Amino acid sequence: MNAVEIEEAVSNLASQPFDREEFPFTFLEAYGNKETTIKRLRKGNSNKSQVPGGILQRSNIHLAVCESGQVTDTLQKLSGAPETAKQKAKFILATDGENLEAENLLSGDTLACTFADLEEHFTFFFELAGISTVK
């Protein structure tokens, strides 16, 4: 996927009503994950997360949908989870559908925004799509 396609997909995701069950998969699709990859994660075959509500994609991202007001705590759980390091996740992300927090584990960059503003920060996750950025 190119940057324009990602921006459109993330804008569409952020403008839709939040779906707790579908968000992780829709988010990963927005950054170019193939349908077979999503199916495996959905079934749990390749999901290595031990965090409640978590989805862990090896060498990519560990994300979780949490209860309202628990975003920071959930992000800390993702950060401290042994499987995050073991599976070489590059990003961690937590959201409750109102707020979203994320961290690039390689650079240490962080993101905190409302869920609706996710589209303004779509470039933060470019590495998920194999797009490298230069500061």
N, C-alpha and C. Protein backbone atom coordinates (compact mmCIF):
# COMPACT_ATOMS: atom_id res chain seq x y z
N MET A 1 0.84 -1.19 0.00
CA MET A 1 0.00 0.00 0.00
C MET A 1 0.88 1.24 0.00
N ASN A 2 0.38 2.29 -0.64
CA ASN A 2 1.12 3.54 -0.62
C ASN A 2 0.53 4.48 0.43
N ALA A 3 1.17 5.61 0.63
CA ALA A 3 0.78 6.54 1.69
C ALA A 3 -0.65 7.05 1.53
N VAL A 4 -1.07 7.29 0.31
CA VAL A 4 -2.43 7.80 0.07
C VAL A 4 -3.47 6.74 0.44
N GLU A 5 -3.22 5.49 0.07
CA GLU A 5 -4.15 4.40 0.41
C GLU A 5 -4.23 4.21 1.92
N ILE A 6 -3.08 4.31 2.59
CA ILE A 6 -3.08 4.18 4.04
C ILE A 6 -3.85 5.31 4.68
N GLU A 7 -3.61 6.53 4.22
CA GLU A 7 -4.32 7.69 4.78
C GLU A 7 -5.84 7.53 4.62
N GLU A 8 -6.28 7.09 3.45
CA GLU A 8 -7.72 6.88 3.22
C GLU A 8 -8.28 5.81 4.15
N ALA A 9 -7.56 4.70 4.29
CA ALA A 9 -8.03 3.60 5.14
C ALA A 9 -8.08 4.02 6.61
N VAL A 10 -7.08 4.75 7.08
CA VAL A 10 -7.06 5.19 8.48
C VAL A 10 -8.12 6.25 8.71
N SER A 11 -8.31 7.16 7.76
CA SER A 11 -9.37 8.17 7.88
C SER A 11 -10.74 7.51 7.96
N ASN A 12 -10.95 6.50 7.14
CA ASN A 12 -12.21 5.77 7.16
C ASN A 12 -12.40 5.06 8.51
N LEU A 13 -11.34 4.44 9.02
CA LEU A 13 -11.39 3.75 10.31
C LEU A 13 -11.74 4.72 11.43
N ALA A 14 -11.09 5.89 11.45
CA ALA A 14 -11.29 6.87 12.52
C ALA A 14 -12.66 7.53 12.46
N SER A 15 -13.26 7.57 11.27
CA SER A 15 -14.56 8.24 11.13
C SER A 15 -15.75 7.32 11.40
N GLN A 16 -15.49 6.01 11.43
CA GLN A 16 -16.57 5.05 11.69
C GLN A 16 -16.81 4.90 13.19
N PRO A 17 -18.01 4.45 13.59
CA PRO A 17 -18.21 4.14 15.01
C PRO A 17 -17.23 3.06 15.45
N PHE A 18 -16.69 3.19 16.65
CA PHE A 18 -15.66 2.27 17.14
C PHE A 18 -16.26 0.88 17.36
N ASP A 19 -15.60 -0.12 16.82
CA ASP A 19 -16.01 -1.52 16.97
C ASP A 19 -14.89 -2.25 17.71
N ARG A 20 -15.13 -2.55 18.97
CA ARG A 20 -14.11 -3.17 19.84
C ARG A 20 -13.55 -4.46 19.26
N GLU A 21 -14.42 -5.26 18.68
CA GLU A 21 -14.00 -6.57 18.16
C GLU A 21 -13.21 -6.44 16.86
N GLU A 22 -13.59 -5.52 16.01
CA GLU A 22 -12.99 -5.42 14.68
C GLU A 22 -11.82 -4.46 14.58
N PHE A 23 -11.68 -3.54 15.54
CA PHE A 23 -10.64 -2.52 15.42
C PHE A 23 -9.25 -3.09 15.12
N PRO A 24 -8.76 -4.06 15.90
CA PRO A 24 -7.39 -4.53 15.63
C PRO A 24 -7.19 -5.01 14.19
N PHE A 25 -8.17 -5.70 13.68
CA PHE A 25 -8.05 -6.27 12.34
C PHE A 25 -8.19 -5.20 11.26
N THR A 26 -9.11 -4.27 11.46
CA THR A 26 -9.29 -3.17 10.52
C THR A 26 -8.06 -2.28 10.50
N PHE A 27 -7.48 -2.05 11.68
CA PHE A 27 -6.26 -1.25 11.78
C PHE A 27 -5.13 -1.91 11.00
N LEU A 28 -4.94 -3.20 11.20
CA LEU A 28 -3.88 -3.93 10.50
C LEU A 28 -4.11 -3.96 8.99
N GLU A 29 -5.36 -4.08 8.58
CA GLU A 29 -5.70 -4.04 7.15
C GLU A 29 -5.34 -2.69 6.57
N ALA A 30 -5.57 -1.62 7.33
CA ALA A 30 -5.29 -0.26 6.85
C ALA A 30 -3.80 -0.08 6.52
N TYR A 31 -2.96 -0.86 7.19
CA TYR A 31 -1.52 -0.77 6.95
C TYR A 31 -1.01 -1.91 6.07
N GLY A 32 -1.91 -2.51 5.30
CA GLY A 32 -1.50 -3.42 4.24
C GLY A 32 -1.38 -4.89 4.59
N ASN A 33 -1.88 -5.32 5.75
CA ASN A 33 -1.83 -6.74 6.07
C ASN A 33 -2.77 -7.51 5.17
N LYS A 34 -2.32 -8.66 4.72
CA LYS A 34 -3.12 -9.48 3.80
C LYS A 34 -4.26 -10.17 4.54
N GLU A 35 -5.26 -10.54 3.78
CA GLU A 35 -6.45 -11.20 4.32
C GLU A 35 -6.11 -12.49 5.06
N THR A 36 -5.17 -13.26 4.53
CA THR A 36 -4.80 -14.52 5.20
C THR A 36 -4.14 -14.25 6.56
N THR A 37 -3.35 -13.19 6.64
CA THR A 37 -2.72 -12.81 7.91
C THR A 37 -3.78 -12.44 8.94
N ILE A 38 -4.76 -11.66 8.50
CA ILE A 38 -5.86 -11.24 9.38
C ILE A 38 -6.66 -12.45 9.84
N LYS A 39 -6.94 -13.38 8.93
CA LYS A 39 -7.69 -14.59 9.30
C LYS A 39 -6.96 -15.39 10.37
N ARG A 40 -5.65 -15.54 10.22
CA ARG A 40 -4.87 -16.28 11.21
C ARG A 40 -4.91 -15.60 12.58
N LEU A 41 -4.77 -14.28 12.58
CA LEU A 41 -4.84 -13.54 13.84
C LEU A 41 -6.23 -13.65 14.46
N ARG A 42 -7.25 -13.55 13.63
CA ARG A 42 -8.64 -13.61 14.10
C ARG A 42 -8.93 -14.96 14.75
N LYS A 43 -8.43 -16.03 14.15
CA LYS A 43 -8.64 -17.38 14.69
C LYS A 43 -7.78 -17.63 15.92
N GLY A 44 -6.74 -16.84 16.09
CA GLY A 44 -5.84 -17.03 17.21
C GLY A 44 -4.64 -17.89 16.89
N ASN A 45 -4.56 -18.39 15.66
CA ASN A 45 -3.45 -19.27 15.27
C ASN A 45 -2.10 -18.58 15.39
N SER A 46 -2.02 -17.30 15.01
CA SER A 46 -0.74 -16.60 15.05
C SER A 46 -0.72 -15.46 16.07
N ASN A 47 -1.78 -15.35 16.87
CA ASN A 47 -1.83 -14.32 17.90
C ASN A 47 -1.10 -14.82 19.15
N LYS A 48 0.01 -14.17 19.50
CA LYS A 48 0.84 -14.60 20.62
C LYS A 48 0.59 -13.79 21.90
N SER A 49 -0.43 -12.93 21.90
CA SER A 49 -0.67 -12.06 23.05
C SER A 49 -1.26 -12.81 24.24
N GLN A 50 -0.77 -12.46 25.43
CA GLN A 50 -1.33 -12.97 26.67
C GLN A 50 -2.11 -11.87 27.40
N VAL A 51 -2.13 -10.66 26.85
CA VAL A 51 -2.82 -9.53 27.44
C VAL A 51 -4.30 -9.62 27.06
N PRO A 52 -5.21 -9.45 28.03
CA PRO A 52 -6.65 -9.49 27.70
C PRO A 52 -7.00 -8.46 26.62
N GLY A 53 -7.69 -8.93 25.58
CA GLY A 53 -8.07 -8.06 24.46
C GLY A 53 -6.93 -7.75 23.52
N GLY A 54 -5.81 -8.45 23.69
CA GLY A 54 -4.62 -8.14 22.91
C GLY A 54 -4.47 -8.96 21.64
N ILE A 55 -3.82 -8.35 20.67
CA ILE A 55 -3.46 -9.00 19.42
C ILE A 55 -1.97 -8.72 19.23
N LEU A 56 -1.19 -9.76 19.06
CA LEU A 56 0.25 -9.61 18.86
C LEU A 56 0.64 -10.23 17.54
N GLN A 57 1.12 -9.39 16.66
CA GLN A 57 1.59 -9.86 15.36
C GLN A 57 3.12 -9.85 15.40
N ARG A 58 3.70 -11.00 15.25
CA ARG A 58 5.16 -11.16 15.36
C ARG A 58 5.90 -10.15 14.48
N SER A 59 6.94 -9.56 15.03
CA SER A 59 7.81 -8.59 14.34
C SER A 59 7.06 -7.36 13.85
N ASN A 60 5.91 -7.07 14.46
CA ASN A 60 5.12 -5.95 13.97
C ASN A 60 4.55 -5.12 15.11
N ILE A 61 3.45 -5.58 15.70
CA ILE A 61 2.74 -4.75 16.67
C ILE A 61 2.04 -5.61 17.73
N HIS A 62 1.97 -5.07 18.93
CA HIS A 62 1.18 -5.67 20.01
C HIS A 62 0.16 -4.61 20.37
N LEU A 63 -1.11 -4.89 20.13
CA LEU A 63 -2.15 -3.90 20.39
C LEU A 63 -3.27 -4.50 21.20
N ALA A 64 -4.00 -3.63 21.90
CA ALA A 64 -5.10 -4.11 22.73
C ALA A 64 -6.20 -3.06 22.79
N VAL A 65 -7.43 -3.56 22.81
CA VAL A 65 -8.60 -2.73 23.06
C VAL A 65 -8.95 -2.93 24.52
N CYS A 66 -9.14 -1.83 25.23
CA CYS A 66 -9.36 -1.93 26.68
C CYS A 66 -10.65 -1.20 27.08
N GLU A 67 -10.94 -1.29 28.37
CA GLU A 67 -12.10 -0.61 28.92
C GLU A 67 -11.84 0.90 28.96
N SER A 68 -12.90 1.66 28.99
CA SER A 68 -12.79 3.12 29.04
C SER A 68 -11.94 3.57 30.22
N GLY A 69 -11.00 4.48 29.93
CA GLY A 69 -10.14 5.03 30.97
C GLY A 69 -8.94 4.18 31.32
N GLN A 70 -8.73 3.05 30.64
CA GLN A 70 -7.64 2.13 30.96
C GLN A 70 -6.52 2.13 29.92
N VAL A 71 -6.48 3.15 29.07
CA VAL A 71 -5.53 3.16 27.96
C VAL A 71 -4.08 3.16 28.45
N THR A 72 -3.74 4.06 29.35
CA THR A 72 -2.36 4.15 29.83
C THR A 72 -1.93 2.87 30.54
N ASP A 73 -2.81 2.33 31.40
CA ASP A 73 -2.50 1.08 32.09
C ASP A 73 -2.30 -0.07 31.12
N THR A 74 -3.15 -0.14 30.11
CA THR A 74 -3.05 -1.21 29.12
C THR A 74 -1.77 -1.08 28.31
N LEU A 75 -1.40 0.15 27.96
CA LEU A 75 -0.15 0.36 27.23
C LEU A 75 1.04 -0.12 28.06
N GLN A 76 1.01 0.14 29.35
CA GLN A 76 2.08 -0.32 30.24
C GLN A 76 2.11 -1.84 30.31
N LYS A 77 0.94 -2.47 30.31
CA LYS A 77 0.89 -3.95 30.31
C LYS A 77 1.50 -4.50 29.02
N LEU A 78 1.17 -3.86 27.89
CA LEU A 78 1.73 -4.29 26.61
C LEU A 78 3.25 -4.13 26.61
N SER A 79 3.71 -3.01 27.14
CA SER A 79 5.14 -2.73 27.18
C SER A 79 5.89 -3.74 28.05
N GLY A 80 5.28 -4.11 29.17
CA GLY A 80 5.92 -5.03 30.10
C GLY A 80 5.70 -6.49 29.82
N ALA A 81 4.84 -6.80 28.87
CA ALA A 81 4.55 -8.21 28.57
C ALA A 81 5.77 -8.88 27.95
N PRO A 82 6.18 -10.03 28.49
CA PRO A 82 7.37 -10.70 27.95
C PRO A 82 7.25 -11.05 26.47
N GLU A 83 6.04 -11.35 26.04
CA GLU A 83 5.86 -11.74 24.63
C GLU A 83 6.09 -10.57 23.67
N THR A 84 5.95 -9.33 24.15
CA THR A 84 6.20 -8.17 23.30
C THR A 84 7.65 -8.19 22.81
N ALA A 85 8.58 -8.39 23.73
CA ALA A 85 10.00 -8.44 23.35
C ALA A 85 10.33 -9.75 22.64
N LYS A 86 9.79 -10.85 23.14
CA LYS A 86 10.09 -12.15 22.56
C LYS A 86 9.66 -12.23 21.10
N GLN A 87 8.52 -11.64 20.78
CA GLN A 87 8.01 -11.69 19.41
C GLN A 87 8.48 -10.49 18.57
N LYS A 88 9.38 -9.68 19.14
CA LYS A 88 10.03 -8.57 18.43
C LYS A 88 9.05 -7.54 17.88
N ALA A 89 8.04 -7.18 18.68
CA ALA A 89 7.09 -6.16 18.25
C ALA A 89 7.79 -4.81 18.11
N LYS A 90 7.46 -4.07 17.06
CA LYS A 90 8.03 -2.75 16.83
C LYS A 90 7.18 -1.67 17.49
N PHE A 91 5.89 -1.93 17.61
CA PHE A 91 4.95 -0.96 18.16
C PHE A 91 4.09 -1.61 19.23
N ILE A 92 3.62 -0.78 20.16
CA ILE A 92 2.54 -1.17 21.05
C ILE A 92 1.46 -0.10 20.93
N LEU A 93 0.21 -0.50 21.04
CA LEU A 93 -0.91 0.43 20.87
C LEU A 93 -2.04 -0.02 21.78
N ALA A 94 -2.65 0.94 22.49
CA ALA A 94 -3.82 0.65 23.32
C ALA A 94 -4.87 1.72 23.04
N THR A 95 -6.12 1.29 22.98
CA THR A 95 -7.22 2.23 22.78
C THR A 95 -8.48 1.73 23.47
N ASP A 96 -9.31 2.67 23.87
CA ASP A 96 -10.62 2.34 24.42
C ASP A 96 -11.73 2.85 23.52
N GLY A 97 -11.36 3.33 22.34
CA GLY A 97 -12.32 3.86 21.39
C GLY A 97 -12.52 5.36 21.54
N GLU A 98 -12.06 5.91 22.64
CA GLU A 98 -12.11 7.36 22.86
C GLU A 98 -10.71 7.95 22.76
N ASN A 99 -9.76 7.30 23.40
CA ASN A 99 -8.37 7.73 23.39
C ASN A 99 -7.49 6.62 22.84
N LEU A 100 -6.33 7.01 22.37
CA LEU A 100 -5.39 6.06 21.81
C LEU A 100 -3.99 6.47 22.23
N GLU A 101 -3.19 5.49 22.66
CA GLU A 101 -1.79 5.72 22.98
C GLU A 101 -0.97 4.63 22.31
N ALA A 102 0.19 5.03 21.83
CA ALA A 102 1.07 4.08 21.15
C ALA A 102 2.52 4.47 21.38
N GLU A 103 3.39 3.48 21.16
CA GLU A 103 4.82 3.74 21.26
C GLU A 103 5.55 2.95 20.19
N ASN A 104 6.51 3.60 19.56
CA ASN A 104 7.42 2.93 18.65
C ASN A 104 8.55 2.41 19.52
N LEU A 105 8.64 1.11 19.70
CA LEU A 105 9.61 0.52 20.60
C LEU A 105 11.04 0.62 20.09
N LEU A 106 11.22 0.86 18.80
CA LEU A 106 12.56 0.98 18.24
C LEU A 106 13.11 2.39 18.44
N SER A 107 12.28 3.40 18.22
CA SER A 107 12.75 4.79 18.32
C SER A 107 12.43 5.43 19.66
N GLY A 108 11.46 4.87 20.37
CA GLY A 108 11.03 5.48 21.63
C GLY A 108 9.99 6.57 21.45
N ASP A 109 9.61 6.87 20.21
CA ASP A 109 8.58 7.88 19.95
C ASP A 109 7.24 7.41 20.50
N THR A 110 6.46 8.35 21.01
CA THR A 110 5.15 8.03 21.55
C THR A 110 4.07 8.85 20.86
N LEU A 111 2.86 8.36 20.97
CA LEU A 111 1.69 9.02 20.41
C LEU A 111 0.56 8.93 21.41
N ALA A 112 -0.10 10.04 21.66
CA ALA A 112 -1.30 10.07 22.50
C ALA A 112 -2.28 11.03 21.83
N CYS A 113 -3.46 10.52 21.49
CA CYS A 113 -4.45 11.35 20.82
C CYS A 113 -5.83 10.77 21.06
N THR A 114 -6.85 11.51 20.65
CA THR A 114 -8.18 10.94 20.69
C THR A 114 -8.30 9.98 19.52
N PHE A 115 -9.19 9.02 19.64
CA PHE A 115 -9.36 8.05 18.56
C PHE A 115 -9.76 8.75 17.26
N ALA A 116 -10.60 9.76 17.36
CA ALA A 116 -11.06 10.48 16.17
C ALA A 116 -9.91 11.20 15.45
N ASP A 117 -8.84 11.53 16.19
CA ASP A 117 -7.70 12.23 15.60
C ASP A 117 -6.65 11.27 15.04
N LEU A 118 -6.90 9.98 15.08
CA LEU A 118 -5.94 9.00 14.58
C LEU A 118 -5.53 9.30 13.14
N GLU A 119 -6.46 9.76 12.33
CA GLU A 119 -6.15 10.03 10.93
C GLU A 119 -5.07 11.10 10.76
N GLU A 120 -4.95 12.00 11.73
CA GLU A 120 -3.93 13.04 11.66
C GLU A 120 -2.54 12.50 11.97
N HIS A 121 -2.47 11.30 12.53
CA HIS A 121 -1.20 10.72 12.95
C HIS A 121 -0.91 9.40 12.24
N PHE A 122 -1.51 9.20 11.06
CA PHE A 122 -1.38 7.92 10.36
C PHE A 122 0.07 7.61 10.00
N THR A 123 0.91 8.63 9.86
CA THR A 123 2.31 8.40 9.48
C THR A 123 3.12 7.77 10.61
N PHE A 124 2.63 7.87 11.85
CA PHE A 124 3.34 7.30 13.00
C PHE A 124 3.58 5.80 12.80
N PHE A 125 2.65 5.13 12.15
CA PHE A 125 2.70 3.67 12.00
C PHE A 125 3.17 3.22 10.61
N PHE A 126 3.78 4.12 9.84
CA PHE A 126 4.20 3.77 8.48
C PHE A 126 5.07 2.52 8.42
N GLU A 127 5.90 2.29 9.44
CA GLU A 127 6.78 1.12 9.42
C GLU A 127 6.00 -0.19 9.38
N LEU A 128 4.74 -0.17 9.84
CA LEU A 128 3.90 -1.37 9.75
C LEU A 128 3.65 -1.76 8.30
N ALA A 129 3.69 -0.76 7.42
CA ALA A 129 3.46 -1.00 6.00
C ALA A 129 4.77 -1.10 5.23
N GLY A 130 5.89 -1.10 5.97
CA GLY A 130 7.19 -1.20 5.32
C GLY A 130 7.68 0.13 4.75
N ILE A 131 7.10 1.22 5.20
CA ILE A 131 7.51 2.54 4.75
C ILE A 131 8.41 3.15 5.82
N SER A 132 9.64 3.41 5.47
CA SER A 132 10.54 4.01 6.46
C SER A 132 10.50 5.53 6.33
N THR A 133 10.61 6.18 7.47
CA THR A 133 10.60 7.64 7.48
C THR A 133 11.92 8.15 8.04
N VAL A 134 12.28 9.35 7.65
CA VAL A 134 13.52 9.97 8.10
C VAL A 134 13.15 11.23 8.86
N LYS A 135 13.79 11.39 10.04
CA LYS A 135 13.51 12.59 10.84
C LYS A 135 14.36 13.74 10.33
